[in-house]
Amino acid sequence: MAEPYVEQVEYRDILTKIGKKSTFPSPGGDVHRDGDYHKAVHVWNFAERTQELLLQKRADCKDSWPGLWDISSAGHISAGDSSLITAQ
């Protein structure tokens, strides 16, 4: 018998306007809805041989900037994680 699907909530550190961590992390879904400052990491992929910057097209179902061209790889940083850990 298959295990029931349980959605896991990812928490993100909320930041002040000057980039300091605020008191409590917030569920990921609330961050964009509430307009909270939070960390993200961007990894840019550059093909040296062809001198091309690799981009991706965002899915049409995204809540922000749907269907537009974007950086190669990015993601939100989970509460307590570092930029380097997230990028790796």
C-alpha atoms as a PDB file:
ATOM      1  CA  MET A   1       0.000   0.000   0.000  1.00  0.00           C
ATOM      2  CA  ALA A   2       1.325   3.431  -0.964  1.00  0.00           C
ATOM      3  CA  GLU A   3       2.188   5.934   1.718  1.00  0.00           C
ATOM      4  CA  PRO A   4      -0.230   8.884   1.888  1.00  0.00           C
ATOM      5  CA  TYR A   5       1.082  12.137   0.480  1.00  0.00           C
ATOM      6  CA  VAL A   6       1.945  14.629   3.178  1.00  0.00           C
ATOM      7  CA  GLU A   7       2.895  18.103   2.040  1.00  0.00           C
ATOM      8  CA  GLN A   8       5.952  19.394   3.854  1.00  0.00           C
ATOM      9  CA  VAL A   9       6.052  23.069   4.709  1.00  0.00           C
ATOM     10  CA  GLU A  10       9.375  24.757   3.993  1.00  0.00           C
ATOM     11  CA  TYR A  11      10.209  27.668   6.270  1.00  0.00           C
ATOM     12  CA  ARG A  12      12.200  30.715   5.227  1.00  0.00           C
ATOM     13  CA  ASP A  13      14.032  33.270   7.322  1.00  0.00           C
ATOM     14  CA  ILE A  14      12.313  36.649   7.120  1.00  0.00           C
ATOM     15  CA  LEU A  15      14.652  39.635   6.816  1.00  0.00           C
ATOM     16  CA  THR A  16      14.399  43.295   7.730  1.00  0.00           C
ATOM     17  CA  LYS A  17      14.878  45.959   5.049  1.00  0.00           C
ATOM     18  CA  ILE A  18      18.609  46.036   5.853  1.00  0.00           C
ATOM     19  CA  GLY A  19      19.004  42.248   5.584  1.00  0.00           C
ATOM     20  CA  LYS A  20      19.032  41.270   9.258  1.00  0.00           C
ATOM     21  CA  LYS A  21      17.175  38.132  10.291  1.00  0.00           C
ATOM     22  CA  SER A  22      13.873  38.874  12.020  1.00  0.00           C
ATOM     23  CA  THR A  23      12.511  36.891  14.932  1.00  0.00           C
ATOM     24  CA  PHE A  24      10.739  33.888  13.437  1.00  0.00           C
ATOM     25  CA  PRO A  25      10.854  31.981  10.137  1.00  0.00           C
ATOM     26  CA  SER A  26       7.707  31.952   8.026  1.00  0.00           C
ATOM     27  CA  PRO A  27       6.121  29.217   5.891  1.00  0.00           C
ATOM     28  CA  GLY A  28       7.379  29.558   2.319  1.00  0.00           C
ATOM     29  CA  GLY A  29       3.943  30.113   0.827  1.00  0.00           C
ATOM     30  CA  ASP A  30       3.359  33.103   3.072  1.00  0.00           C
ATOM     31  CA  VAL A  31       6.568  34.912   2.101  1.00  0.00           C
ATOM     32  CA  HIS A  32       5.536  36.073  -1.381  1.00  0.00           C
ATOM     33  CA  ARG A  33       1.913  36.607  -0.375  1.00  0.00           C
ATOM     34  CA  ASP A  34       2.975  38.923   2.469  1.00  0.00           C
ATOM     35  CA  GLY A  35       5.781  40.628   0.524  1.00  0.00           C
ATOM     36  CA  ASP A  36       8.395  39.665   3.124  1.00  0.00           C
ATOM     37  CA  TYR A  37      12.094  40.139   2.485  1.00  0.00           C
ATOM     38  CA  HIS A  38      13.825  36.760   2.264  1.00  0.00           C
ATOM     39  CA  LYS A  39      16.982  35.170   0.888  1.00  0.00           C
ATOM     40  CA  ALA A  40      17.357  33.443  -2.449  1.00  0.00           C
ATOM     41  CA  VAL A  41      20.331  32.104  -4.334  1.00  0.00           C
ATOM     42  CA  HIS A  42      21.074  32.521  -8.051  1.00  0.00           C
ATOM     43  CA  VAL A  43      23.461  30.281  -9.971  1.00  0.00           C
ATOM     44  CA  TRP A  44      24.400  31.568 -13.394  1.00  0.00           C
ATOM     45  CA  ASN A  45      25.487  28.994 -15.980  1.00  0.00           C
ATOM     46  CA  PHE A  46      27.907  30.269 -18.595  1.00  0.00           C
ATOM     47  CA  ALA A  47      29.110  28.078 -21.465  1.00  0.00           C
ATOM     48  CA  GLU A  48      32.722  29.172 -21.950  1.00  0.00           C
ATOM     49  CA  ARG A  49      33.232  27.351 -25.246  1.00  0.00           C
ATOM     50  CA  THR A  50      30.294  29.029 -26.966  1.00  0.00           C
ATOM     51  CA  GLN A  51      30.305  32.216 -24.838  1.00  0.00           C
ATOM     52  CA  GLU A  52      26.626  31.770 -24.019  1.00  0.00           C
ATOM     53  CA  LEU A  53      24.740  32.583 -20.857  1.00  0.00           C
ATOM     54  CA  LEU A  54      22.182  29.838 -20.271  1.00  0.00           C
ATOM     55  CA  LEU A  55      18.694  30.981 -19.327  1.00  0.00           C
ATOM     56  CA  GLN A  56      15.402  29.255 -18.646  1.00  0.00           C
ATOM     57  CA  LYS A  57      11.838  30.194 -19.395  1.00  0.00           C
ATOM     58  CA  ARG A  58       9.631  30.340 -16.313  1.00  0.00           C
ATOM     59  CA  ALA A  59       6.542  28.144 -16.278  1.00  0.00           C
ATOM     60  CA  ASP A  60       3.249  29.818 -17.098  1.00  0.00           C
ATOM     61  CA  CYS A  61       1.856  28.661 -13.735  1.00  0.00           C
ATOM     62  CA  LYS A  62       4.389  30.632 -11.628  1.00  0.00           C
ATOM     63  CA  ASP A  63       2.959  33.247  -9.264  1.00  0.00           C
ATOM     64  CA  SER A  64       5.567  35.830 -10.238  1.00  0.00           C
ATOM     65  CA  TRP A  65       6.833  36.643 -13.730  1.00  0.00           C
ATOM     66  CA  PRO A  66       5.116  33.661 -15.447  1.00  0.00           C
ATOM     67  CA  GLY A  67       6.328  32.739 -18.932  1.00  0.00           C
ATOM     68  CA  LEU A  68       9.325  35.111 -18.876  1.00  0.00           C
ATOM     69  CA  TRP A  69      13.020  34.391 -19.330  1.00  0.00           C
ATOM     70  CA  ASP A  70      14.983  34.025 -16.108  1.00  0.00           C
ATOM     71  CA  ILE A  71      18.390  33.099 -14.725  1.00  0.00           C
ATOM     72  CA  SER A  72      19.737  29.575 -15.128  1.00  0.00           C
ATOM     73  CA  SER A  73      19.013  28.244 -11.676  1.00  0.00           C
ATOM     74  CA  ALA A  74      17.656  29.745  -8.497  1.00  0.00           C
ATOM     75  CA  GLY A  75      15.895  28.876  -5.315  1.00  0.00           C
ATOM     76  CA  HIS A  76      14.797  30.117  -1.949  1.00  0.00           C
ATOM     77  CA  ILE A  77      17.088  29.546   0.991  1.00  0.00           C
ATOM     78  CA  SER A  78      15.449  27.476   3.712  1.00  0.00           C
ATOM     79  CA  ALA A  79      15.443  28.828   7.258  1.00  0.00           C
ATOM     80  CA  GLY A  80      18.831  28.286   8.874  1.00  0.00           C
ATOM     81  CA  ASP A  81      20.637  27.345   5.630  1.00  0.00           C
ATOM     82  CA  SER A  82      23.437  29.298   3.994  1.00  0.00           C
ATOM     83  CA  SER A  83      23.660  30.595   0.423  1.00  0.00           C
ATOM     84  CA  LEU A  84      26.520  28.224  -0.382  1.00  0.00           C
ATOM     85  CA  ILE A  85      24.702  25.112   0.907  1.00  0.00           C
ATOM     86  CA  THR A  86      21.601  26.063  -1.107  1.00  0.00           C
ATOM     87  CA  ALA A  87      23.599  26.739  -4.290  1.00  0.00           C
ATOM     88  CA  GLN A  88      25.395  23.399  -4.006  1.00  0.00           C
END
